């Protein structure tokens, strides 16, 4: 909970958030940014979650490679109505330079933005980035 305590209220209030498998009419855990304010989608409204169009695999930091450190980093981030990643918050750190590598990769993700009532809108998402050593 200490990592969550440092997050902005609009992000911390949505964790954990699992966008996978959500579709129109589902009970949405996340909020969308519509017309200058954060709202929870109405289950009866026409809503579509963001769709990942392209992603970049994160690199391993030299420090983590030498120490053979692996694990997961959880990031919470804002996807704009234009499908680009904006603000990124670190929810579950791993250290050894891997947090930064995860953020660099997520910053390059491109999405088809969420749709609400037929309009593209911004939305907060979370992603778990896994680093495995071999």
C-alpha atoms as a PDB file:
ATOM      1  CA  UNK A   1       0.000   0.000   0.000  1.00  0.00           C
ATOM      2  CA  UNK A   2       2.940   2.401   0.424  1.00  0.00           C
ATOM      3  CA  UNK A   3       3.405   2.616  -3.368  1.00  0.00           C
ATOM      4  CA  UNK A   4      -0.314   3.286  -3.817  1.00  0.00           C
ATOM      5  CA  UNK A   5      -0.274   6.004  -1.149  1.00  0.00           C
ATOM      6  CA  UNK A   6       2.086   8.082  -3.307  1.00  0.00           C
ATOM      7  CA  UNK A   7      -0.127   7.947  -6.382  1.00  0.00           C
ATOM      8  CA  UNK A   8      -2.492  10.734  -7.401  1.00  0.00           C
ATOM      9  CA  UNK A   9      -6.005  10.191  -6.041  1.00  0.00           C
ATOM     10  CA  UNK A  10      -7.542   9.563  -9.470  1.00  0.00           C
ATOM     11  CA  UNK A  11      -5.027   6.745 -10.070  1.00  0.00           C
ATOM     12  CA  UNK A  12      -4.867   5.196  -6.602  1.00  0.00           C
ATOM     13  CA  UNK A  13      -8.663   4.956  -6.512  1.00  0.00           C
ATOM     14  CA  UNK A  14      -8.684   2.597  -9.481  1.00  0.00           C
ATOM     15  CA  UNK A  15      -6.064   0.033  -8.457  1.00  0.00           C
ATOM     16  CA  UNK A  16      -6.075  -2.800  -9.162  1.00  0.00           C
ATOM     17  CA  UNK A  17      -7.286  -2.270 -12.702  1.00  0.00           C
ATOM     18  CA  UNK A  18      -7.484  -5.085 -15.225  1.00  0.00           C
ATOM     19  CA  UNK A  19      -8.608  -3.779 -18.628  1.00  0.00           C
ATOM     20  CA  UNK A  20      -8.325  -7.210 -20.303  1.00  0.00           C
ATOM     21  CA  UNK A  21     -11.629  -8.664 -21.415  1.00  0.00           C
ATOM     22  CA  UNK A  22     -13.687  -5.557 -20.690  1.00  0.00           C
ATOM     23  CA  UNK A  23     -16.308  -4.582 -23.234  1.00  0.00           C
ATOM     24  CA  UNK A  24     -19.383  -2.402 -23.494  1.00  0.00           C
ATOM     25  CA  UNK A  25     -21.736  -3.040 -20.607  1.00  0.00           C
ATOM     26  CA  UNK A  26     -19.104  -4.536 -18.279  1.00  0.00           C
ATOM     27  CA  UNK A  27     -18.615  -3.208 -14.749  1.00  0.00           C
ATOM     28  CA  UNK A  28     -15.615  -0.965 -15.479  1.00  0.00           C
ATOM     29  CA  UNK A  29     -13.004  -0.577 -12.771  1.00  0.00           C
ATOM     30  CA  UNK A  30     -11.217   2.334 -14.441  1.00  0.00           C
ATOM     31  CA  UNK A  31     -12.314   5.857 -15.014  1.00  0.00           C
ATOM     32  CA  UNK A  32     -12.159   7.817 -18.208  1.00  0.00           C
ATOM     33  CA  UNK A  33     -11.265  11.436 -18.731  1.00  0.00           C
ATOM     34  CA  UNK A  34     -14.153  13.078 -20.564  1.00  0.00           C
ATOM     35  CA  UNK A  35     -14.755  16.765 -21.110  1.00  0.00           C
ATOM     36  CA  UNK A  36     -12.204  17.852 -18.491  1.00  0.00           C
ATOM     37  CA  UNK A  37     -13.272  15.539 -15.670  1.00  0.00           C
ATOM     38  CA  UNK A  38     -12.798  11.950 -14.470  1.00  0.00           C
ATOM     39  CA  UNK A  39     -15.930   9.788 -14.679  1.00  0.00           C
ATOM     40  CA  UNK A  40     -16.843   6.131 -14.328  1.00  0.00           C
ATOM     41  CA  UNK A  41     -18.511   4.830 -17.485  1.00  0.00           C
ATOM     42  CA  UNK A  42     -22.192   4.086 -17.112  1.00  0.00           C
ATOM     43  CA  UNK A  43     -22.652   0.327 -17.786  1.00  0.00           C
ATOM     44  CA  UNK A  44     -25.525   1.094 -20.163  1.00  0.00           C
ATOM     45  CA  UNK A  45     -23.506   3.613 -22.197  1.00  0.00           C
ATOM     46  CA  UNK A  46     -21.650   2.844 -25.402  1.00  0.00           C
ATOM     47  CA  UNK A  47     -18.111   2.277 -24.243  1.00  0.00           C
ATOM     48  CA  UNK A  48     -14.996   0.576 -25.631  1.00  0.00           C
ATOM     49  CA  UNK A  49     -11.684   0.086 -23.815  1.00  0.00           C
ATOM     50  CA  UNK A  50      -8.423   1.265 -25.384  1.00  0.00           C
ATOM     51  CA  UNK A  51      -6.800  -1.253 -27.732  1.00  0.00           C
ATOM     52  CA  UNK A  52      -3.031  -1.638 -27.901  1.00  0.00           C
ATOM     53  CA  UNK A  53      -1.845  -0.952 -31.467  1.00  0.00           C
ATOM     54  CA  UNK A  54       1.915  -1.160 -30.976  1.00  0.00           C
ATOM     55  CA  UNK A  55       4.269  -1.785 -28.097  1.00  0.00           C
ATOM     56  CA  UNK A  56       7.984  -1.767 -27.406  1.00  0.00           C
ATOM     57  CA  UNK A  57       9.670  -4.487 -25.382  1.00  0.00           C
ATOM     58  CA  UNK A  58      11.631  -3.046 -22.448  1.00  0.00           C
ATOM     59  CA  UNK A  59      15.374  -3.407 -22.315  1.00  0.00           C
ATOM     60  CA  UNK A  60      17.284  -4.881 -19.382  1.00  0.00           C
ATOM     61  CA  UNK A  61      19.448  -2.478 -17.425  1.00  0.00           C
ATOM     62  CA  UNK A  62      23.125  -3.402 -17.183  1.00  0.00           C
ATOM     63  CA  UNK A  63      22.847  -3.311 -13.381  1.00  0.00           C
ATOM     64  CA  UNK A  64      19.988  -5.844 -13.377  1.00  0.00           C
ATOM     65  CA  UNK A  65      21.743  -8.042 -15.935  1.00  0.00           C
ATOM     66  CA  UNK A  66      24.934  -8.207 -13.844  1.00  0.00           C
ATOM     67  CA  UNK A  67      23.016  -8.909 -10.621  1.00  0.00           C
ATOM     68  CA  UNK A  68      20.631 -11.335 -12.415  1.00  0.00           C
ATOM     69  CA  UNK A  69      17.623  -9.446 -11.043  1.00  0.00           C
ATOM     70  CA  UNK A  70      14.214 -10.222 -12.507  1.00  0.00           C
ATOM     71  CA  UNK A  71      10.595  -9.723 -11.588  1.00  0.00           C
ATOM     72  CA  UNK A  72       7.688  -7.424 -12.385  1.00  0.00           C
ATOM     73  CA  UNK A  73       7.162  -3.668 -12.438  1.00  0.00           C
ATOM     74  CA  UNK A  74       3.607  -2.317 -12.337  1.00  0.00           C
ATOM     75  CA  UNK A  75       2.959   1.026 -13.980  1.00  0.00           C
ATOM     76  CA  UNK A  76      -0.233   3.073 -14.051  1.00  0.00           C
ATOM     77  CA  UNK A  77      -0.491   5.451 -16.973  1.00  0.00           C
ATOM     78  CA  UNK A  78      -2.822   7.796 -18.794  1.00  0.00           C
ATOM     79  CA  UNK A  79      -3.753   7.105 -22.430  1.00  0.00           C
ATOM     80  CA  UNK A  80      -4.932  10.287 -24.137  1.00  0.00           C
ATOM     81  CA  UNK A  81      -7.882  10.641 -26.502  1.00  0.00           C
ATOM     82  CA  UNK A  82      -5.206  10.615 -29.222  1.00  0.00           C
ATOM     83  CA  UNK A  83      -3.971   7.164 -28.154  1.00  0.00           C
ATOM     84  CA  UNK A  84      -0.640   8.306 -26.729  1.00  0.00           C
ATOM     85  CA  UNK A  85       0.728   7.568 -23.265  1.00  0.00           C
ATOM     86  CA  UNK A  86       0.978  10.660 -21.067  1.00  0.00           C
ATOM     87  CA  UNK A  87       1.666  10.600 -17.342  1.00  0.00           C
ATOM     88  CA  UNK A  88       3.169   7.406 -15.900  1.00  0.00           C
ATOM     89  CA  UNK A  89       3.143   6.447 -12.201  1.00  0.00           C
ATOM     90  CA  UNK A  90       5.187   3.669 -10.627  1.00  0.00           C
ATOM     91  CA  UNK A  91       2.857   1.425  -8.604  1.00  0.00           C
ATOM     92  CA  UNK A  92       5.129  -1.570  -7.879  1.00  0.00           C
ATOM     93  CA  UNK A  93       8.869  -0.880  -8.182  1.00  0.00           C
ATOM     94  CA  UNK A  94      11.576  -3.449  -8.812  1.00  0.00           C
ATOM     95  CA  UNK A  95      14.714  -1.281  -8.830  1.00  0.00           C
ATOM     96  CA  UNK A  96      18.101  -1.866 -10.479  1.00  0.00           C
ATOM     97  CA  UNK A  97      17.139   0.408 -13.378  1.00  0.00           C
ATOM     98  CA  UNK A  98      14.243  -1.838 -14.438  1.00  0.00           C
ATOM     99  CA  UNK A  99      11.567   0.663 -13.331  1.00  0.00           C
ATOM    100  CA  UNK A 100      13.039   3.205 -15.742  1.00  0.00           C
ATOM    101  CA  UNK A 101      13.318   0.649 -18.553  1.00  0.00           C
ATOM    102  CA  UNK A 102       9.645  -0.286 -18.111  1.00  0.00           C
ATOM    103  CA  UNK A 103       8.590   3.388 -18.221  1.00  0.00           C
ATOM    104  CA  UNK A 104      10.686   4.048 -21.343  1.00  0.00           C
ATOM    105  CA  UNK A 105       8.967   1.135 -23.109  1.00  0.00           C
ATOM    106  CA  UNK A 106       5.424   2.041 -21.998  1.00  0.00           C
ATOM    107  CA  UNK A 107       5.970   5.675 -23.040  1.00  0.00           C
ATOM    108  CA  UNK A 108       6.288   4.356 -26.628  1.00  0.00           C
ATOM    109  CA  UNK A 109       3.043   2.320 -26.612  1.00  0.00           C
ATOM    110  CA  UNK A 110       0.371   3.446 -29.064  1.00  0.00           C
ATOM    111  CA  UNK A 111      -3.333   2.760 -28.490  1.00  0.00           C
ATOM    112  CA  UNK A 112      -6.587   3.044 -30.318  1.00  0.00           C
ATOM    113  CA  UNK A 113      -8.166   5.275 -27.643  1.00  0.00           C
ATOM    114  CA  UNK A 114     -11.122   4.388 -25.450  1.00  0.00           C
ATOM    115  CA  UNK A 115     -14.484   5.365 -26.920  1.00  0.00           C
ATOM    116  CA  UNK A 116     -17.326   6.803 -24.873  1.00  0.00           C
ATOM    117  CA  UNK A 117     -20.640   7.692 -26.467  1.00  0.00           C
ATOM    118  CA  UNK A 118     -18.952   7.515 -29.890  1.00  0.00           C
ATOM    119  CA  UNK A 119     -16.061   9.881 -29.009  1.00  0.00           C
ATOM    120  CA  UNK A 120     -12.415   9.104 -28.248  1.00  0.00           C
ATOM    121  CA  UNK A 121     -11.606   9.789 -24.588  1.00  0.00           C
ATOM    122  CA  UNK A 122      -8.583   9.509 -22.317  1.00  0.00           C
ATOM    123  CA  UNK A 123      -8.325   6.689 -19.795  1.00  0.00           C
ATOM    124  CA  UNK A 124      -6.001   5.439 -17.091  1.00  0.00           C
ATOM    125  CA  UNK A 125      -4.626   1.906 -17.428  1.00  0.00           C
ATOM    126  CA  UNK A 126      -2.138  -0.276 -15.639  1.00  0.00           C
ATOM    127  CA  UNK A 127       0.427  -2.701 -16.998  1.00  0.00           C
ATOM    128  CA  UNK A 128       2.644  -5.280 -15.377  1.00  0.00           C
ATOM    129  CA  UNK A 129       6.003  -5.421 -17.138  1.00  0.00           C
ATOM    130  CA  UNK A 130       7.859  -8.694 -16.574  1.00  0.00           C
ATOM    131  CA  UNK A 131      11.622  -8.996 -16.633  1.00  0.00           C
ATOM    132  CA  UNK A 132      12.967 -12.544 -16.755  1.00  0.00           C
ATOM    133  CA  UNK A 133      16.586 -13.584 -16.431  1.00  0.00           C
ATOM    134  CA  UNK A 134      17.933 -16.630 -18.209  1.00  0.00           C
END
